[in-house]
Amino acid sequence: MTQLLGITLLSLFVTLILIIPFIDFLYKIKLRRQDQTTVDPFNKPTPVFDKFNNWKVGTPFGGGLLIICVSTVIFLWSFGILNLKINPVEIFVILFTFISFGLLGLYDDAKKLANGAKIPFFGLRLRYKLLLQLAIAFVPATILYTKLGYSFVFIRGIGLTDIGFLYIPFAAFVIVAFVNAFNITDGLDGLASGLMLIALVSFLAISYTNVDQSLGVFVAVLMGSVAAFLYFNIFKARLWLGDVGSMSLGASLAIIGLLTGKTLAIVVIGGVFVLEVGSSLIQLLSKKFLKRKILPAAPLHLYFLKRGWDEPKIVMRAWLLGAFFAILGLYLAFIK
């Protein structure tokens, strides 16, 4: 644990050193939020979203790229200086998931800039994005099943249940679900990154007790880099994750949970993310099939903004709820 905390501090320190020059670089290449009128996946205007986000025009995004670069380098470097038992396949699964979803998010961010002045819907269309996410997610899901022997799902009250090859679509679904849950939650300054830091603390405890050294090092490195980013991401943010960060961190949260083998813990520790994506899904389905909105606004953080809550108040209360879910998830993970 001393080594893991030391790696966390190193990752935090390196990210803090690099982040201000990185912000200057983003300004220089004009990777900043554009003045936009957004529409939903059904090509309908989203005036509530625009009302509460138009003031953020000009803020740079793409902070996730720095997190990916710093975390990957320190993660690999750590195995060269620490006497750790490593599993090359597990390391590949972690890094492939972390980097590949980051690259997909980077492409989506770049597409926003290219199309920003031409079309109201920024980035990739939802259907194309989901197809690409599924295609990527099936790679680590298949390796988990075929190379690492994951085929069991732990269900509280029942125990380990072997679902065989169905583990592959199950794991792919978990990854894609958390990628989109994180992406949806990343709508307020400090919201998603703060919740991610809370979740990582929980998973560091789980990976440490599971004696999974490779996973523990990755979680420790990611904790430090996300903590440094959060300093610049709290209200009013100087830097945002962008899709490169939200997709990468969402996928990482899922793969960390899957590698611990604590299926229920993933859902509970990431409870706020689940609530956010659940509210958005309900809203989309109601628009599609009922031709009306069930909720005044979705996701939940946008609903509270519409009700008049200040952005920092929503974020702080979400962090408190996230901490509660993290403690509950740890309890469920450790209880016999």
Protein backbone atom coordinates (compact mmCIF):
# COMPACT_ATOMS: atom_id res chain seq x y z
CA MET A 1 0.00 0.00 0.00
CA THR A 2 2.93 2.36 0.70
CA GLN A 3 4.18 1.80 -2.85
CA LEU A 4 0.73 2.37 -4.30
CA LEU A 5 0.27 5.65 -2.43
CA GLY A 6 3.73 6.74 -3.54
CA ILE A 7 2.78 6.06 -7.17
CA THR A 8 -0.42 8.08 -6.63
CA LEU A 9 1.60 11.05 -5.37
CA LEU A 10 4.02 10.76 -8.29
CA SER A 11 1.18 10.70 -10.82
CA LEU A 12 -0.46 13.70 -9.14
CA PHE A 13 2.80 15.66 -9.10
CA VAL A 14 3.65 14.96 -12.76
CA THR A 15 0.13 15.86 -13.92
CA LEU A 16 0.23 19.13 -11.94
CA ILE A 17 3.54 20.07 -13.56
CA LEU A 18 2.26 19.41 -17.07
CA ILE A 19 -1.32 20.61 -16.88
CA ILE A 20 -0.82 24.38 -17.17
CA PRO A 21 1.39 24.11 -20.29
CA PHE A 22 -1.17 21.64 -21.61
CA ILE A 23 -4.03 24.14 -21.09
CA ASP A 24 -1.97 26.77 -22.94
CA PHE A 25 -1.46 24.25 -25.75
CA LEU A 26 -5.23 23.62 -26.03
CA TYR A 27 -5.83 27.36 -26.32
CA LYS A 28 -3.18 27.55 -29.01
CA ILE A 29 -4.77 24.82 -31.14
CA LYS A 30 -8.24 26.24 -30.36
CA LEU A 31 -9.60 23.03 -28.83
CA ARG A 32 -12.28 24.97 -26.97
CA ARG A 33 -16.02 24.81 -26.53
CA GLN A 34 -17.77 26.46 -29.46
CA ASP A 35 -20.89 28.60 -29.49
CA GLN A 36 -23.53 26.02 -30.35
CA THR A 37 -27.20 25.16 -30.60
CA THR A 38 -27.52 21.49 -29.72
CA VAL A 39 -30.08 18.87 -30.65
CA ASP A 40 -30.82 15.46 -29.15
CA PRO A 41 -30.45 12.09 -30.96
CA PHE A 42 -33.91 12.64 -32.50
CA ASN A 43 -32.76 15.95 -33.99
CA LYS A 44 -34.90 17.95 -31.57
CA PRO A 45 -33.52 21.17 -30.02
CA THR A 46 -32.35 21.04 -26.41
CA PRO A 47 -32.91 24.62 -25.18
CA VAL A 48 -32.55 23.70 -21.50
CA PHE A 49 -29.06 22.34 -22.09
CA ASP A 50 -28.03 25.39 -24.11
CA LYS A 51 -29.45 27.78 -21.53
CA PHE A 52 -27.25 26.45 -18.75
CA ASN A 53 -24.11 25.79 -20.79
CA ASN A 54 -23.75 28.67 -23.23
CA TRP A 55 -21.74 30.69 -20.70
CA LYS A 56 -19.02 28.03 -20.89
CA VAL A 57 -18.11 28.90 -24.48
CA GLY A 58 -14.35 29.23 -24.88
CA THR A 59 -13.30 26.80 -22.12
CA PRO A 60 -10.74 24.29 -23.45
CA PHE A 61 -11.56 20.59 -23.44
CA GLY A 62 -9.38 17.55 -23.98
CA GLY A 63 -7.91 17.23 -20.48
CA GLY A 64 -8.48 13.51 -20.72
CA LEU A 65 -5.63 13.28 -23.22
CA LEU A 66 -3.15 14.43 -20.59
CA ILE A 67 -4.56 11.94 -18.06
CA ILE A 68 -4.18 9.10 -20.58
CA CYS A 69 -0.59 10.02 -21.48
CA VAL A 70 0.63 10.55 -17.91
CA SER A 71 -1.16 7.50 -16.50
CA THR A 72 0.02 5.16 -19.27
CA VAL A 73 3.67 6.19 -18.99
CA ILE A 74 3.79 6.02 -15.18
CA PHE A 75 1.80 2.75 -15.14
CA LEU A 76 4.31 1.02 -17.44
CA TRP A 77 7.30 2.68 -15.76
CA SER A 78 6.15 1.45 -12.33
CA PHE A 79 6.68 -2.17 -13.27
CA GLY A 80 10.29 -1.40 -14.11
CA ILE A 81 11.10 -0.07 -10.64
CA LEU A 82 8.81 -2.13 -8.42
CA ASN A 83 9.21 -5.83 -7.78
CA LEU A 84 5.65 -6.79 -8.68
CA LYS A 85 3.98 -9.90 -9.97
CA ILE A 86 2.46 -8.90 -13.29
CA ASN A 87 0.06 -10.50 -15.69
CA PRO A 88 0.84 -9.26 -19.23
CA VAL A 89 -2.63 -10.15 -20.49
CA GLU A 90 -4.30 -8.18 -17.71
CA ILE A 91 -2.04 -5.20 -18.41
CA PHE A 92 -2.96 -5.39 -22.10
CA VAL A 93 -6.68 -5.48 -21.28
CA ILE A 94 -6.37 -2.45 -19.00
CA LEU A 95 -4.34 -0.36 -21.41
CA PHE A 96 -6.26 -1.39 -24.52
CA THR A 97 -9.54 -0.36 -22.91
CA PHE A 98 -8.09 2.84 -21.46
CA ILE A 99 -6.38 4.01 -24.67
CA SER A 100 -8.78 2.75 -27.35
CA PHE A 101 -11.82 4.46 -25.87
CA GLY A 102 -9.69 7.56 -25.39
CA LEU A 103 -8.82 7.52 -29.10
CA LEU A 104 -12.48 7.14 -30.01
CA GLY A 105 -13.30 10.10 -27.77
CA LEU A 106 -10.45 12.11 -29.31
CA TYR A 107 -11.89 11.46 -32.76
CA ASP A 108 -15.30 12.60 -31.51
CA ASP A 109 -13.75 15.77 -30.05
CA ALA A 110 -11.96 16.50 -33.32
CA LYS A 111 -15.18 15.94 -35.24
CA LYS A 112 -16.91 18.52 -33.07
CA LEU A 113 -14.40 21.13 -34.17
CA ALA A 114 -14.61 20.12 -37.82
CA ASN A 115 -18.42 20.15 -37.91
CA GLY A 116 -19.13 22.82 -35.32
CA ALA A 117 -19.85 25.56 -37.83
CA LYS A 118 -21.81 23.32 -40.19
CA ILE A 119 -24.24 21.18 -38.20
CA PRO A 120 -25.98 21.63 -34.83
CA PHE A 121 -25.29 18.09 -33.62
CA PHE A 122 -21.69 18.01 -32.44
CA GLY A 123 -19.54 14.91 -32.73
CA LEU A 124 -20.52 11.41 -33.80
CA ARG A 125 -24.16 10.43 -34.14
CA LEU A 126 -25.40 8.24 -31.29
CA ARG A 127 -25.95 5.13 -33.42
CA TYR A 128 -22.45 5.26 -34.91
CA LYS A 129 -20.89 5.99 -31.56
CA LEU A 130 -22.62 3.00 -29.93
CA LEU A 131 -21.58 0.66 -32.75
CA LEU A 132 -17.95 1.73 -32.45
CA GLN A 133 -18.07 1.44 -28.67
CA LEU A 134 -19.49 -2.09 -28.88
CA ALA A 135 -16.87 -3.14 -31.41
CA ILE A 136 -14.08 -1.93 -29.13
CA ALA A 137 -15.69 -3.31 -25.95
CA PHE A 138 -15.92 -6.84 -27.36
CA VAL A 139 -12.10 -7.01 -27.55
CA PRO A 140 -11.38 -6.77 -23.79
CA ALA A 141 -14.58 -8.71 -23.02
CA THR A 142 -13.41 -11.61 -25.19
CA ILE A 143 -9.92 -11.57 -23.66
CA LEU A 144 -11.39 -11.59 -20.15
CA TYR A 145 -13.29 -14.76 -21.03
CA THR A 146 -10.81 -16.62 -23.24
CA LYS A 147 -7.44 -15.66 -21.73
CA LEU A 148 -8.12 -14.67 -18.12
CA GLY A 149 -10.89 -17.19 -17.41
CA TYR A 150 -13.61 -14.75 -16.38
CA SER A 151 -17.00 -16.40 -16.80
CA PHE A 152 -18.53 -15.94 -13.36
CA VAL A 153 -20.86 -13.25 -12.11
CA PHE A 154 -21.18 -12.78 -8.36
CA ILE A 155 -24.76 -12.24 -7.26
CA ARG A 156 -25.40 -11.39 -3.60
CA GLY A 157 -27.45 -14.13 -1.95
CA ILE A 158 -26.70 -16.62 -4.73
CA GLY A 159 -22.91 -16.56 -5.00
CA LEU A 160 -20.80 -17.13 -8.08
CA THR A 161 -22.81 -17.98 -11.16
CA ASP A 162 -21.06 -19.34 -14.24
CA ILE A 163 -22.66 -17.78 -17.33
CA GLY A 164 -20.15 -19.24 -19.78
CA PHE A 165 -19.63 -17.46 -23.10
CA LEU A 166 -22.48 -15.08 -22.22
CA TYR A 167 -19.88 -13.33 -20.09
CA ILE A 168 -18.53 -11.73 -23.28
CA PRO A 169 -21.69 -9.75 -24.19
CA PHE A 170 -22.26 -9.08 -20.48
CA ALA A 171 -18.80 -7.53 -20.05
CA ALA A 172 -19.12 -5.59 -23.31
CA PHE A 173 -22.47 -4.20 -22.14
CA VAL A 174 -20.99 -3.12 -18.78
CA ILE A 175 -18.14 -1.31 -20.54
CA VAL A 176 -20.37 0.50 -23.05
CA ALA A 177 -22.90 1.34 -20.33
CA PHE A 178 -20.29 3.02 -18.12
CA VAL A 179 -18.67 4.80 -21.06
CA ASN A 180 -21.99 6.49 -21.83
CA ALA A 181 -22.92 6.94 -18.16
CA PHE A 182 -19.66 8.79 -17.53
CA ASN A 183 -20.06 10.83 -20.70
CA ILE A 184 -23.57 11.90 -19.70
CA THR A 185 -22.51 12.71 -16.13
CA ASP A 186 -19.65 14.90 -17.36
CA GLY A 187 -21.92 17.91 -17.76
CA LEU A 188 -21.04 20.05 -14.74
CA ASP A 189 -17.68 21.35 -13.58
CA GLY A 190 -16.02 18.73 -11.39
CA LEU A 191 -19.00 16.36 -11.32
CA ALA A 192 -17.74 13.30 -13.21
CA SER A 193 -14.06 13.68 -12.30
CA GLY A 194 -14.88 14.05 -8.60
CA LEU A 195 -17.11 10.98 -8.65
CA MET A 196 -14.39 9.08 -10.51
CA LEU A 197 -11.85 9.91 -7.81
CA ILE A 198 -14.22 8.67 -5.11
CA ALA A 199 -14.83 5.42 -7.02
CA LEU A 200 -11.10 4.88 -7.56
CA VAL A 201 -10.42 5.12 -3.83
CA SER A 202 -12.94 2.31 -3.30
CA PHE A 203 -11.49 0.15 -6.06
CA LEU A 204 -7.96 0.68 -4.73
CA ALA A 205 -9.10 -0.90 -1.46
CA ILE A 206 -10.75 -3.80 -3.31
CA SER A 207 -7.79 -4.47 -5.62
CA TYR A 208 -5.39 -4.30 -2.65
CA THR A 209 -7.34 -6.90 -0.67
CA ASN A 210 -7.59 -9.06 -3.82
CA VAL A 211 -3.76 -8.89 -4.09
CA ASP A 212 -4.11 -7.83 -7.74
CA GLN A 213 -0.91 -5.84 -8.11
CA SER A 214 -1.28 -4.86 -11.76
CA LEU A 215 -4.78 -3.51 -11.21
CA GLY A 216 -3.79 -1.82 -7.96
CA VAL A 217 -0.96 0.07 -9.67
CA PHE A 218 -3.25 1.24 -12.47
CA VAL A 219 -5.89 2.45 -10.00
CA ALA A 220 -3.24 4.25 -7.94
CA VAL A 221 -1.74 5.98 -11.00
CA LEU A 222 -5.17 7.00 -12.29
CA MET A 223 -6.14 8.36 -8.86
CA GLY A 224 -3.23 10.77 -8.82
CA SER A 225 -3.75 12.06 -12.34
CA VAL A 226 -7.52 12.49 -11.91
CA ALA A 227 -6.99 14.31 -8.59
CA ALA A 228 -4.62 16.79 -10.25
CA PHE A 229 -7.07 17.32 -13.11
CA LEU A 230 -9.94 17.86 -10.66
CA TYR A 231 -8.13 20.87 -9.17
CA PHE A 232 -8.50 22.64 -12.52
CA ASN A 233 -11.93 21.16 -13.29
CA ILE A 234 -13.93 22.42 -10.30
CA PHE A 235 -16.29 25.39 -10.77
CA LYS A 236 -15.45 27.50 -12.71
CA ALA A 237 -13.46 25.01 -14.70
CA ARG A 238 -10.29 25.96 -16.53
CA LEU A 239 -10.25 22.62 -18.33
CA TRP A 240 -12.70 19.86 -19.24
CA LEU A 241 -12.15 16.19 -19.91
CA GLY A 242 -13.72 16.19 -23.38
CA ASP A 243 -14.94 12.93 -24.88
CA VAL A 244 -11.34 11.72 -24.97
CA GLY A 245 -11.42 11.75 -21.17
CA SER A 246 -15.02 10.82 -20.43
CA MET A 247 -14.99 7.76 -22.71
CA SER A 248 -11.59 6.62 -21.49
CA LEU A 249 -12.37 7.04 -17.79
CA GLY A 250 -15.83 5.49 -18.14
CA ALA A 251 -14.36 2.43 -19.84
CA SER A 252 -11.59 2.25 -17.24
CA LEU A 253 -14.10 2.33 -14.39
CA ALA A 254 -15.93 -0.60 -15.99
CA ILE A 255 -12.82 -2.69 -16.68
CA ILE A 256 -11.50 -2.07 -13.16
CA GLY A 257 -14.81 -3.29 -11.74
CA LEU A 258 -14.86 -6.34 -14.03
CA LEU A 259 -11.29 -7.31 -13.12
CA THR A 260 -12.08 -7.19 -9.41
CA GLY A 261 -14.85 -9.71 -10.04
CA LYS A 262 -17.25 -7.69 -7.89
CA THR A 263 -20.15 -7.25 -10.31
CA LEU A 264 -22.58 -5.67 -7.87
CA ALA A 265 -19.87 -3.37 -6.54
CA ILE A 266 -19.42 -1.82 -10.01
CA VAL A 267 -23.07 -0.78 -10.11
CA VAL A 268 -23.21 0.43 -6.52
CA ILE A 269 -19.87 2.29 -6.39
CA GLY A 270 -20.79 3.92 -9.70
CA GLY A 271 -24.32 4.55 -8.45
CA VAL A 272 -24.49 8.24 -9.39
CA PHE A 273 -23.35 7.41 -12.92
CA VAL A 274 -26.09 4.79 -13.09
CA LEU A 275 -28.72 7.30 -11.94
CA GLU A 276 -27.55 9.84 -14.51
CA VAL A 277 -27.62 7.45 -17.47
CA GLY A 278 -30.88 5.92 -16.23
CA SER A 279 -32.64 9.27 -16.22
CA SER A 280 -31.38 10.00 -19.74
CA LEU A 281 -32.50 6.59 -20.97
CA ILE A 282 -35.98 7.08 -19.51
CA GLN A 283 -36.21 10.46 -21.21
CA LEU A 284 -35.09 9.09 -24.59
CA LEU A 285 -37.49 6.16 -24.43
CA SER A 286 -40.40 8.39 -23.47
CA LYS A 287 -39.66 10.71 -26.39
CA LYS A 288 -39.41 7.74 -28.74
CA PHE A 289 -42.46 5.75 -27.72
CA LEU A 290 -44.69 8.15 -25.79
CA LYS A 291 -43.88 11.21 -27.93
CA ARG A 292 -43.46 13.29 -24.77
CA LYS A 293 -40.98 13.88 -21.97
CA ILE A 294 -41.53 12.15 -18.63
CA LEU A 295 -38.96 14.31 -16.85
CA PRO A 296 -38.81 18.12 -17.14
CA ALA A 297 -35.14 17.74 -18.05
CA ALA A 298 -32.54 14.97 -18.17
CA PRO A 299 -30.02 13.85 -17.04
CA LEU A 300 -30.55 14.46 -13.34
CA HIS A 301 -27.97 17.22 -12.99
CA LEU A 302 -29.74 19.18 -15.72
CA TYR A 303 -33.07 18.65 -13.96
CA PHE A 304 -31.67 20.18 -10.76
CA LEU A 305 -30.22 23.09 -12.72
CA LYS A 306 -33.68 23.75 -14.14
CA ARG A 307 -35.10 23.69 -10.63
CA GLY A 308 -32.79 26.53 -9.70
CA TRP A 309 -29.98 24.74 -7.87
CA ASP A 310 -26.55 26.31 -8.26
CA GLU A 311 -24.03 24.20 -10.14
CA PRO A 312 -21.56 23.84 -7.22
CA LYS A 313 -24.40 22.73 -4.92
CA ILE A 314 -25.40 19.96 -7.33
CA VAL A 315 -21.80 18.79 -7.67
CA MET A 316 -21.08 18.77 -3.93
CA ARG A 317 -24.25 16.84 -3.14
CA ALA A 318 -23.49 14.38 -5.94
CA TRP A 319 -20.03 13.83 -4.42
CA LEU A 320 -21.65 13.13 -1.04
CA LEU A 321 -24.02 10.67 -2.66
CA GLY A 322 -21.09 9.14 -4.52
CA ALA A 323 -19.20 8.72 -1.24
CA PHE A 324 -22.23 6.98 0.27
CA PHE A 325 -22.47 4.62 -2.72
CA ALA A 326 -18.72 3.95 -2.48
CA ILE A 327 -19.00 2.95 1.20
CA LEU A 328 -22.03 0.78 0.43
CA GLY A 329 -20.20 -0.82 -2.49
CA LEU A 330 -17.21 -1.61 -0.29
CA TYR A 331 -19.51 -3.13 2.30
CA LEU A 332 -21.11 -5.36 -0.32
CA ALA A 333 -17.73 -6.29 -1.77
CA PHE A 334 -16.23 -7.32 1.59
CA ILE A 335 -19.22 -8.86 3.33
CA LYS A 336 -19.14 -12.64 3.45
